[in-house]
Amino acid sequence: MNRDLQLEHEISGDDRVTKLEIADLTILLIEPSAMQQKVIIHQLSEAGVDKVDLVSSGESAIRYLENSKPDLVISSLYFEDMTALEVLNHLRSEKSNHQVPFMLVSSEIKFGRIDPIKQAGVVAILPKPFKFDSLVTALKNTLQFLEPEELDLDNYDPTTLRVLVVDDSKLARRFICKTLHGLGVNHITEADDGKSAIDILSQTHDFDLIVSDYNMPEVDGKALVEYVRSNEIIAHIPVLMVTSEQNRAVLNNIEQVGVSAICDKPFEPDNVRQLLSNILS
């Protein structure tokens, strides 16, 4: 396998710990098109992945996942019997598989059809056709999700950080919390919308960081940041805004209210690690 697709072995004293490599990944591919099956399997093979199981429908994928736990699910968006979102919702509802990374491969560009997938928590969304480099990056993100590295901060011990996670999607909160836990963050409080977050912040100011979605009912992320910045007791708390919004005018508006950083969905561990290092240094 190509050297740049491998992760190096970590050596600590006399103990040798072998980290998961791209070639070690076991993958379930859900793709109804025979042509697309061949293309994706060929690209995975080029990346060093040869442990790929293939199904062509949502129902067959659900049956497979009831008996097996792959390292990664790669899926098209549409099948004859259901959509990838339905498969993903089923995956997230099952205790044994709810943290399995999910990657979407789709030519769909409509925000209303892609955004629910982003909100449910995915490691990557690749277009059809996708570039080989994009696939390798997505596979590396999967490795980071499966075997994350703890944050290395100058001024904080990650294990003592107190973080408030705000998102009206339970699935998105679960995905964000899993990523933060992997980075070494142990103390997380969840709020299911901006209004609940304000209620929590009015009772306790004991947070080092707020991670918030932008699109939420009643009190959205922008209004939440305005509340934080207008309250001198909590105005110092960094806010990482997580959003699938692509409109540049909207993003500029978010930046102007005082967010510390904006993070795209999908919520990628490496990107999050870099942003948090910048915010908390």
C-alpha atoms as a PDB file:
ATOM      1  CA  MET A   1       0.000   0.000   0.000  1.00  0.00           C
ATOM      2  CA  ASN A   2       1.138   3.551  -0.699  1.00  0.00           C
ATOM      3  CA  ARG A   3       3.147   4.900   2.234  1.00  0.00           C
ATOM      4  CA  ASP A   4       1.279   8.193   2.467  1.00  0.00           C
ATOM      5  CA  LEU A   5      -1.966   6.251   3.041  1.00  0.00           C
ATOM      6  CA  GLN A   6      -0.580   4.557   6.150  1.00  0.00           C
ATOM      7  CA  LEU A   7      -0.475   5.739   9.723  1.00  0.00           C
ATOM      8  CA  GLU A   8       2.853   5.256  11.450  1.00  0.00           C
ATOM      9  CA  HIS A   9       3.316   2.938  14.402  1.00  0.00           C
ATOM     10  CA  GLU A  10       3.518   4.647  17.771  1.00  0.00           C
ATOM     11  CA  ILE A  11       6.346   3.456  20.003  1.00  0.00           C
ATOM     12  CA  SER A  12       6.269   4.265  23.727  1.00  0.00           C
ATOM     13  CA  GLY A  13       9.178   2.785  25.723  1.00  0.00           C
ATOM     14  CA  ASP A  14       9.114  -0.967  25.200  1.00  0.00           C
ATOM     15  CA  ASP A  15       5.427  -0.967  24.278  1.00  0.00           C
ATOM     16  CA  ARG A  16       4.497  -0.956  20.619  1.00  0.00           C
ATOM     17  CA  VAL A  17       0.962   0.205  19.797  1.00  0.00           C
ATOM     18  CA  THR A  18      -0.195  -0.315  16.238  1.00  0.00           C
ATOM     19  CA  LYS A  19      -2.722   2.257  15.087  1.00  0.00           C
ATOM     20  CA  LEU A  20      -5.541   1.488  12.731  1.00  0.00           C
ATOM     21  CA  GLU A  21      -4.655   1.997   9.055  1.00  0.00           C
ATOM     22  CA  ILE A  22      -6.833   2.667   6.024  1.00  0.00           C
ATOM     23  CA  ALA A  23      -6.168  -0.874   4.825  1.00  0.00           C
ATOM     24  CA  ASP A  24      -7.606  -2.245   8.074  1.00  0.00           C
ATOM     25  CA  LEU A  25     -11.036  -0.686   7.543  1.00  0.00           C
ATOM     26  CA  THR A  26     -14.064  -2.925   7.035  1.00  0.00           C
ATOM     27  CA  ILE A  27     -16.696  -1.175   4.914  1.00  0.00           C
ATOM     28  CA  LEU A  28     -20.335  -1.695   4.031  1.00  0.00           C
ATOM     29  CA  LEU A  29     -21.129  -0.129   0.641  1.00  0.00           C
ATOM     30  CA  ILE A  30     -24.807   0.598  -0.082  1.00  0.00           C
ATOM     31  CA  GLU A  31     -25.105   1.345  -3.793  1.00  0.00           C
ATOM     32  CA  PRO A  32     -27.881   0.266  -6.204  1.00  0.00           C
ATOM     33  CA  SER A  33     -25.973   1.098  -9.406  1.00  0.00           C
ATOM     34  CA  ALA A  34     -23.709  -1.677 -10.705  1.00  0.00           C
ATOM     35  CA  MET A  35     -21.537   0.906 -12.484  1.00  0.00           C
ATOM     36  CA  GLN A  36     -21.141   3.022  -9.343  1.00  0.00           C
ATOM     37  CA  GLN A  37     -20.379  -0.103  -7.336  1.00  0.00           C
ATOM     38  CA  LYS A  38     -17.432  -0.863  -9.617  1.00  0.00           C
ATOM     39  CA  VAL A  39     -16.176   2.738  -9.523  1.00  0.00           C
ATOM     40  CA  ILE A  40     -16.282   3.032  -5.732  1.00  0.00           C
ATOM     41  CA  ILE A  41     -14.846  -0.427  -5.080  1.00  0.00           C
ATOM     42  CA  HIS A  42     -12.001   0.317  -7.531  1.00  0.00           C
ATOM     43  CA  GLN A  43     -11.243   3.622  -5.793  1.00  0.00           C
ATOM     44  CA  LEU A  44     -11.307   1.929  -2.381  1.00  0.00           C
ATOM     45  CA  SER A  45      -8.942  -0.723  -3.689  1.00  0.00           C
ATOM     46  CA  GLU A  46      -6.591   1.996  -4.930  1.00  0.00           C
ATOM     47  CA  ALA A  47      -6.634   3.427  -1.403  1.00  0.00           C
ATOM     48  CA  GLY A  48      -5.709   0.012  -0.007  1.00  0.00           C
ATOM     49  CA  VAL A  49      -9.144  -1.097   1.197  1.00  0.00           C
ATOM     50  CA  ASP A  50     -10.188  -4.613   0.205  1.00  0.00           C
ATOM     51  CA  LYS A  51     -12.616  -5.577   2.967  1.00  0.00           C
ATOM     52  CA  VAL A  52     -15.827  -4.273   1.378  1.00  0.00           C
ATOM     53  CA  ASP A  53     -19.270  -5.860   1.671  1.00  0.00           C
ATOM     54  CA  LEU A  54     -21.855  -4.762  -0.875  1.00  0.00           C
ATOM     55  CA  VAL A  55     -25.655  -4.371  -0.685  1.00  0.00           C
ATOM     56  CA  SER A  56     -27.957  -2.582  -3.116  1.00  0.00           C
ATOM     57  CA  SER A  57     -31.016  -1.598  -1.058  1.00  0.00           C
ATOM     58  CA  GLY A  58     -31.882   0.069   2.218  1.00  0.00           C
ATOM     59  CA  GLU A  59     -33.640  -3.006   3.595  1.00  0.00           C
ATOM     60  CA  SER A  60     -30.676  -5.272   2.860  1.00  0.00           C
ATOM     61  CA  ALA A  61     -28.388  -2.725   4.528  1.00  0.00           C
ATOM     62  CA  ILE A  62     -30.542  -2.721   7.665  1.00  0.00           C
ATOM     63  CA  ARG A  63     -30.525  -6.537   7.775  1.00  0.00           C
ATOM     64  CA  TYR A  64     -26.742  -6.526   7.363  1.00  0.00           C
ATOM     65  CA  LEU A  65     -26.272  -3.993  10.181  1.00  0.00           C
ATOM     66  CA  GLU A  66     -28.406  -6.044  12.532  1.00  0.00           C
ATOM     67  CA  ASN A  67     -25.752  -8.771  12.431  1.00  0.00           C
ATOM     68  CA  SER A  68     -22.511  -6.945  11.656  1.00  0.00           C
ATOM     69  CA  LYS A  69     -20.633  -3.835  12.729  1.00  0.00           C
ATOM     70  CA  PRO A  70     -18.452  -2.390   9.947  1.00  0.00           C
ATOM     71  CA  ASP A  71     -15.890   0.329  10.611  1.00  0.00           C
ATOM     72  CA  LEU A  72     -17.592   2.556   8.026  1.00  0.00           C
ATOM     73  CA  VAL A  73     -20.785   2.700   5.978  1.00  0.00           C
ATOM     74  CA  ILE A  74     -20.515   4.310   2.533  1.00  0.00           C
ATOM     75  CA  SER A  75     -23.897   4.990   0.973  1.00  0.00           C
ATOM     76  CA  SER A  76     -25.648   6.451  -2.016  1.00  0.00           C
ATOM     77  CA  LEU A  77     -28.559   8.787  -1.218  1.00  0.00           C
ATOM     78  CA  TYR A  78     -31.453   7.048  -2.972  1.00  0.00           C
ATOM     79  CA  PHE A  79     -32.551   3.404  -3.193  1.00  0.00           C
ATOM     80  CA  GLU A  80     -35.741   1.877  -4.564  1.00  0.00           C
ATOM     81  CA  ASP A  81     -37.104   1.132  -1.083  1.00  0.00           C
ATOM     82  CA  MET A  82     -35.892   4.116   0.989  1.00  0.00           C
ATOM     83  CA  THR A  83     -33.242   6.820   1.302  1.00  0.00           C
ATOM     84  CA  ALA A  84     -29.862   6.964   2.989  1.00  0.00           C
ATOM     85  CA  LEU A  85     -31.358   9.171   5.695  1.00  0.00           C
ATOM     86  CA  GLU A  86     -33.730   6.372   6.699  1.00  0.00           C
ATOM     87  CA  VAL A  87     -30.842   3.912   6.859  1.00  0.00           C
ATOM     88  CA  LEU A  88     -28.777   6.404   8.851  1.00  0.00           C
ATOM     89  CA  ASN A  89     -31.628   7.063  11.295  1.00  0.00           C
ATOM     90  CA  HIS A  90     -31.981   3.308  11.814  1.00  0.00           C
ATOM     91  CA  LEU A  91     -28.228   3.017  12.332  1.00  0.00           C
ATOM     92  CA  ARG A  92     -28.215   5.808  14.905  1.00  0.00           C
ATOM     93  CA  SER A  93     -31.189   4.291  16.768  1.00  0.00           C
ATOM     94  CA  GLU A  94     -29.441   0.943  17.257  1.00  0.00           C
ATOM     95  CA  LYS A  95     -27.304   0.831  20.403  1.00  0.00           C
ATOM     96  CA  SER A  96     -24.756  -1.564  18.925  1.00  0.00           C
ATOM     97  CA  ASN A  97     -24.176   0.491  15.756  1.00  0.00           C
ATOM     98  CA  HIS A  98     -25.175   4.068  16.604  1.00  0.00           C
ATOM     99  CA  GLN A  99     -21.567   5.324  16.512  1.00  0.00           C
ATOM    100  CA  VAL A 100     -20.533   3.668  13.242  1.00  0.00           C
ATOM    101  CA  PRO A 101     -19.154   6.365  10.888  1.00  0.00           C
ATOM    102  CA  PHE A 102     -21.316   7.089   7.833  1.00  0.00           C
ATOM    103  CA  MET A 103     -20.147   8.557   4.502  1.00  0.00           C
ATOM    104  CA  LEU A 104     -22.532   9.770   1.801  1.00  0.00           C
ATOM    105  CA  VAL A 105     -21.687   9.675  -1.922  1.00  0.00           C
ATOM    106  CA  SER A 106     -24.244  11.622  -3.935  1.00  0.00           C
ATOM    107  CA  SER A 107     -24.744  13.983  -6.862  1.00  0.00           C
ATOM    108  CA  GLU A 108     -27.598  15.689  -4.970  1.00  0.00           C
ATOM    109  CA  ILE A 109     -26.951  19.394  -4.383  1.00  0.00           C
ATOM    110  CA  LYS A 110     -30.282  20.602  -2.996  1.00  0.00           C
ATOM    111  CA  PHE A 111     -29.772  21.942   0.528  1.00  0.00           C
ATOM    112  CA  GLY A 112     -33.076  20.573   1.817  1.00  0.00           C
ATOM    113  CA  ARG A 113     -32.143  17.015   0.852  1.00  0.00           C
ATOM    114  CA  ILE A 114     -28.501  17.047   1.928  1.00  0.00           C
ATOM    115  CA  ASP A 115     -28.817  19.032   5.160  1.00  0.00           C
ATOM    116  CA  PRO A 116     -30.781  16.343   7.099  1.00  0.00           C
ATOM    117  CA  ILE A 117     -27.909  13.930   6.413  1.00  0.00           C
ATOM    118  CA  LYS A 118     -25.406  16.477   7.700  1.00  0.00           C
ATOM    119  CA  GLN A 119     -27.526  17.087  10.790  1.00  0.00           C
ATOM    120  CA  ALA A 120     -27.609  13.354  11.551  1.00  0.00           C
ATOM    121  CA  GLY A 121     -23.818  13.220  11.709  1.00  0.00           C
ATOM    122  CA  VAL A 122     -21.564  11.982   8.895  1.00  0.00           C
ATOM    123  CA  VAL A 123     -17.799  11.816   8.508  1.00  0.00           C
ATOM    124  CA  ALA A 124     -17.915  13.037   4.903  1.00  0.00           C
ATOM    125  CA  ILE A 125     -20.147  13.849   1.941  1.00  0.00           C
ATOM    126  CA  LEU A 126     -18.540  13.169  -1.429  1.00  0.00           C
ATOM    127  CA  PRO A 127     -19.970  14.224  -4.805  1.00  0.00           C
ATOM    128  CA  LYS A 128     -20.513  11.930  -7.770  1.00  0.00           C
ATOM    129  CA  PRO A 129     -17.992  11.699  -9.314  1.00  0.00           C
ATOM    130  CA  PHE A 130     -15.509  12.267  -6.493  1.00  0.00           C
ATOM    131  CA  LYS A 131     -11.744  12.761  -6.629  1.00  0.00           C
ATOM    132  CA  PHE A 132      -9.464  10.067  -5.259  1.00  0.00           C
ATOM    133  CA  ASP A 133      -7.807  12.561  -2.895  1.00  0.00           C
ATOM    134  CA  SER A 134     -11.217  13.415  -1.438  1.00  0.00           C
ATOM    135  CA  LEU A 135     -11.872   9.747  -0.738  1.00  0.00           C
ATOM    136  CA  VAL A 136      -8.511   9.321   0.998  1.00  0.00           C
ATOM    137  CA  THR A 137      -9.187  12.408   3.139  1.00  0.00           C
ATOM    138  CA  ALA A 138     -12.596  11.015   4.089  1.00  0.00           C
ATOM    139  CA  LEU A 139     -11.040   7.660   5.022  1.00  0.00           C
ATOM    140  CA  LYS A 140      -8.449   9.436   7.157  1.00  0.00           C
ATOM    141  CA  ASN A 141     -11.268  11.344   8.869  1.00  0.00           C
ATOM    142  CA  THR A 142     -12.858   7.986   9.597  1.00  0.00           C
ATOM    143  CA  LEU A 143      -9.643   6.776  11.244  1.00  0.00           C
ATOM    144  CA  GLN A 144      -9.565   9.931  13.366  1.00  0.00           C
ATOM    145  CA  PHE A 145     -13.144   9.307  14.393  1.00  0.00           C
ATOM    146  CA  LEU A 146     -12.443   5.673  15.283  1.00  0.00           C
ATOM    147  CA  GLU A 147      -9.125   6.355  17.026  1.00  0.00           C
ATOM    148  CA  PRO A 148      -9.053  10.065  17.917  1.00  0.00           C
ATOM    149  CA  GLU A 149      -6.053  11.849  19.369  1.00  0.00           C
ATOM    150  CA  GLU A 150      -6.470  13.922  22.521  1.00  0.00           C
ATOM    151  CA  LEU A 151      -6.272  17.700  22.247  1.00  0.00           C
ATOM    152  CA  ASP A 152      -2.895  19.218  23.089  1.00  0.00           C
ATOM    153  CA  LEU A 153      -3.566  22.660  24.583  1.00  0.00           C
ATOM    154  CA  ASP A 154      -1.148  25.141  26.154  1.00  0.00           C
ATOM    155  CA  ASN A 155      -3.535  26.572  28.742  1.00  0.00           C
ATOM    156  CA  TYR A 156      -6.045  23.773  29.380  1.00  0.00           C
ATOM    157  CA  ASP A 157      -6.162  20.127  30.318  1.00  0.00           C
ATOM    158  CA  PRO A 158      -8.772  18.762  27.842  1.00  0.00           C
ATOM    159  CA  THR A 159     -10.107  16.372  30.481  1.00  0.00           C
ATOM    160  CA  THR A 160     -11.146  19.317  32.673  1.00  0.00           C
ATOM    161  CA  LEU A 161     -12.752  21.437  29.929  1.00  0.00           C
ATOM    162  CA  ARG A 162     -16.437  22.191  30.574  1.00  0.00           C
ATOM    163  CA  VAL A 163     -18.353  22.373  27.302  1.00  0.00           C
ATOM    164  CA  LEU A 164     -21.968  23.261  26.510  1.00  0.00           C
ATOM    165  CA  VAL A 165     -23.193  21.582  23.294  1.00  0.00           C
ATOM    166  CA  VAL A 166     -26.304  23.150  21.757  1.00  0.00           C
ATOM    167  CA  ASP A 167     -28.210  21.539  18.875  1.00  0.00           C
ATOM    168  CA  ASP A 168     -31.888  20.808  18.282  1.00  0.00           C
ATOM    169  CA  SER A 169     -30.963  17.509  16.595  1.00  0.00           C
ATOM    170  CA  LYS A 170     -30.367  14.693  19.080  1.00  0.00           C
ATOM    171  CA  LEU A 171     -28.368  12.804  16.454  1.00  0.00           C
ATOM    172  CA  ALA A 172     -26.151  15.812  15.777  1.00  0.00           C
ATOM    173  CA  ARG A 173     -25.542  16.341  19.507  1.00  0.00           C
ATOM    174  CA  ARG A 174     -24.604  12.693  19.902  1.00  0.00           C
ATOM    175  CA  PHE A 175     -22.157  12.918  16.987  1.00  0.00           C
ATOM    176  CA  ILE A 176     -20.574  16.137  18.282  1.00  0.00           C
ATOM    177  CA  CYS A 177     -20.295  14.751  21.817  1.00  0.00           C
ATOM    178  CA  LYS A 178     -18.673  11.552  20.498  1.00  0.00           C
ATOM    179  CA  THR A 179     -16.096  13.628  18.630  1.00  0.00           C
ATOM    180  CA  LEU A 180     -15.377  15.807  21.680  1.00  0.00           C
ATOM    181  CA  HIS A 181     -15.076  12.770  23.949  1.00  0.00           C
ATOM    182  CA  GLY A 182     -12.535  11.360  21.508  1.00  0.00           C
ATOM    183  CA  LEU A 183     -10.505  14.562  21.817  1.00  0.00           C
ATOM    184  CA  GLY A 184     -10.356  14.080  25.593  1.00  0.00           C
ATOM    185  CA  VAL A 185     -13.278  16.311  26.644  1.00  0.00           C
ATOM    186  CA  ASN A 186     -15.169  14.595  29.483  1.00  0.00           C
ATOM    187  CA  HIS A 187     -17.418  17.291  30.945  1.00  0.00           C
ATOM    188  CA  ILE A 188     -20.208  18.011  28.457  1.00  0.00           C
ATOM    189  CA  THR A 189     -23.633  19.535  29.101  1.00  0.00           C
ATOM    190  CA  GLU A 190     -26.258  19.262  26.347  1.00  0.00           C
ATOM    191  CA  ALA A 191     -28.999  21.732  25.406  1.00  0.00           C
ATOM    192  CA  ASP A 192     -31.636  20.796  22.830  1.00  0.00           C
ATOM    193  CA  ASP A 193     -32.043  24.351  21.470  1.00  0.00           C
ATOM    194  CA  GLY A 194     -30.917  27.939  21.968  1.00  0.00           C
ATOM    195  CA  LYS A 195     -33.641  28.693  24.515  1.00  0.00           C
ATOM    196  CA  SER A 196     -32.590  25.752  26.681  1.00  0.00           C
ATOM    197  CA  ALA A 197     -28.972  26.891  26.415  1.00  0.00           C
ATOM    198  CA  ILE A 198     -29.883  30.362  27.683  1.00  0.00           C
ATOM    199  CA  ASP A 199     -31.766  28.793  30.593  1.00  0.00           C
ATOM    200  CA  ILE A 200     -28.677  26.745  31.474  1.00  0.00           C
ATOM    201  CA  LEU A 201     -26.338  29.743  31.133  1.00  0.00           C
ATOM    202  CA  SER A 202     -28.605  31.839  33.369  1.00  0.00           C
ATOM    203  CA  GLN A 203     -28.174  29.258  36.130  1.00  0.00           C
ATOM    204  CA  THR A 204     -24.479  28.427  35.759  1.00  0.00           C
ATOM    205  CA  HIS A 205     -21.576  30.252  34.114  1.00  0.00           C
ATOM    206  CA  ASP A 206     -19.188  27.377  34.620  1.00  0.00           C
ATOM    207  CA  PHE A 207     -18.247  26.710  30.984  1.00  0.00           C
ATOM    208  CA  ASP A 208     -14.972  26.999  29.094  1.00  0.00           C
ATOM    209  CA  LEU A 209     -16.521  26.585  25.636  1.00  0.00           C
ATOM    210  CA  ILE A 210     -19.881  26.628  23.862  1.00  0.00           C
ATOM    211  CA  VAL A 211     -20.381  24.526  20.710  1.00  0.00           C
ATOM    212  CA  SER A 212     -23.633  25.530  19.017  1.00  0.00           C
ATOM    213  CA  ASP A 213     -25.620  24.768  15.899  1.00  0.00           C
ATOM    214  CA  TYR A 214     -26.801  27.762  13.875  1.00  0.00           C
ATOM    215  CA  ASN A 215     -30.216  26.729  12.543  1.00  0.00           C
ATOM    216  CA  MET A 216     -32.481  26.162  15.566  1.00  0.00           C
ATOM    217  CA  PRO A 217     -36.141  27.058  16.317  1.00  0.00           C
ATOM    218  CA  GLU A 218     -37.090  30.019  18.544  1.00  0.00           C
ATOM    219  CA  VAL A 219     -33.538  31.004  19.520  1.00  0.00           C
ATOM    220  CA  ASP A 220     -31.031  30.284  16.767  1.00  0.00           C
ATOM    221  CA  GLY A 221     -27.245  30.226  17.070  1.00  0.00           C
ATOM    222  CA  LYS A 222     -26.880  33.896  16.184  1.00  0.00           C
ATOM    223  CA  ALA A 223     -29.314  34.955  18.916  1.00  0.00           C
ATOM    224  CA  LEU A 224     -27.545  32.691  21.402  1.00  0.00           C
ATOM    225  CA  VAL A 225     -24.171  34.304  20.642  1.00  0.00           C
ATOM    226  CA  GLU A 226     -25.724  37.764  20.987  1.00  0.00           C
ATOM    227  CA  TYR A 227     -27.041  36.760  24.419  1.00  0.00           C
ATOM    228  CA  VAL A 228     -23.606  35.466  25.486  1.00  0.00           C
ATOM    229  CA  ARG A 229     -21.718  38.524  24.257  1.00  0.00           C
ATOM    230  CA  SER A 230     -24.175  40.945  25.874  1.00  0.00           C
ATOM    231  CA  ASN A 231     -23.818  39.338  29.316  1.00  0.00           C
ATOM    232  CA  GLU A 232     -20.576  40.526  30.911  1.00  0.00           C
ATOM    233  CA  ILE A 233     -20.375  37.481  33.202  1.00  0.00           C
ATOM    234  CA  ILE A 234     -20.197  34.986  30.334  1.00  0.00           C
ATOM    235  CA  ALA A 235     -19.106  37.229  27.452  1.00  0.00           C
ATOM    236  CA  HIS A 236     -15.586  35.767  27.576  1.00  0.00           C
ATOM    237  CA  ILE A 237     -16.691  32.190  26.767  1.00  0.00           C
ATOM    238  CA  PRO A 238     -15.514  31.111  23.297  1.00  0.00           C
ATOM    239  CA  VAL A 239     -18.280  29.993  20.930  1.00  0.00           C
ATOM    240  CA  LEU A 240     -17.682  27.497  18.128  1.00  0.00           C
ATOM    241  CA  MET A 241     -20.570  27.724  15.654  1.00  0.00           C
ATOM    242  CA  VAL A 242     -21.336  24.494  13.790  1.00  0.00           C
ATOM    243  CA  THR A 243     -23.368  24.933  10.631  1.00  0.00           C
ATOM    244  CA  SER A 244     -24.100  23.421   7.238  1.00  0.00           C
ATOM    245  CA  GLU A 245     -24.972  26.908   5.955  1.00  0.00           C
ATOM    246  CA  GLN A 246     -23.118  27.809   2.731  1.00  0.00           C
ATOM    247  CA  ASN A 247     -24.541  31.289   2.087  1.00  0.00           C
ATOM    248  CA  ARG A 248     -21.629  33.705   2.427  1.00  0.00           C
ATOM    249  CA  ALA A 249     -23.862  36.596   3.542  1.00  0.00           C
ATOM    250  CA  VAL A 250     -25.322  34.474   6.346  1.00  0.00           C
ATOM    251  CA  LEU A 251     -21.861  33.329   7.414  1.00  0.00           C
ATOM    252  CA  ASN A 252     -20.601  36.919   7.475  1.00  0.00           C
ATOM    253  CA  ASN A 253     -23.570  37.830   9.645  1.00  0.00           C
ATOM    254  CA  ILE A 254     -22.713  35.029  12.069  1.00  0.00           C
ATOM    255  CA  GLU A 255     -19.087  36.160  12.258  1.00  0.00           C
ATOM    256  CA  GLN A 256     -20.079  39.731  13.059  1.00  0.00           C
ATOM    257  CA  VAL A 257     -22.016  38.826  16.217  1.00  0.00           C
ATOM    258  CA  GLY A 258     -18.852  37.534  17.875  1.00  0.00           C
ATOM    259  CA  VAL A 259     -18.367  33.817  17.259  1.00  0.00           C
ATOM    260  CA  SER A 260     -14.859  32.559  17.947  1.00  0.00           C
ATOM    261  CA  ALA A 261     -14.866  30.222  14.927  1.00  0.00           C
ATOM    262  CA  ILE A 262     -17.228  28.581  12.441  1.00  0.00           C
ATOM    263  CA  CYS A 263     -17.058  24.863  11.752  1.00  0.00           C
ATOM    264  CA  ASP A 264     -18.714  23.195   8.760  1.00  0.00           C
ATOM    265  CA  LYS A 265     -20.817  20.095   8.940  1.00  0.00           C
ATOM    266  CA  PRO A 266     -19.698  17.320   8.589  1.00  0.00           C
ATOM    267  CA  PHE A 267     -17.958  17.723  11.982  1.00  0.00           C
ATOM    268  CA  GLU A 268     -14.419  16.510  11.145  1.00  0.00           C
ATOM    269  CA  PRO A 269     -12.128  15.595  14.108  1.00  0.00           C
ATOM    270  CA  ASP A 270      -8.931  17.089  12.602  1.00  0.00           C
ATOM    271  CA  ASN A 271     -10.666  20.355  11.721  1.00  0.00           C
ATOM    272  CA  VAL A 272     -12.296  20.541  15.155  1.00  0.00           C
ATOM    273  CA  ARG A 273      -8.959  19.850  16.859  1.00  0.00           C
ATOM    274  CA  GLN A 274      -7.283  22.715  14.977  1.00  0.00           C
ATOM    275  CA  LEU A 275     -10.144  25.145  15.623  1.00  0.00           C
ATOM    276  CA  LEU A 276     -10.251  24.338  19.339  1.00  0.00           C
ATOM    277  CA  SER A 277      -6.479  24.690  19.595  1.00  0.00           C
ATOM    278  CA  ASN A 278      -6.765  28.167  18.077  1.00  0.00           C
ATOM    279  CA  ILE A 279      -9.768  29.175  20.183  1.00  0.00           C
ATOM    280  CA  LEU A 280      -8.437  27.960  23.530  1.00  0.00           C
ATOM    281  CA  SER A 281      -4.754  28.900  23.172  1.00  0.00           C
END
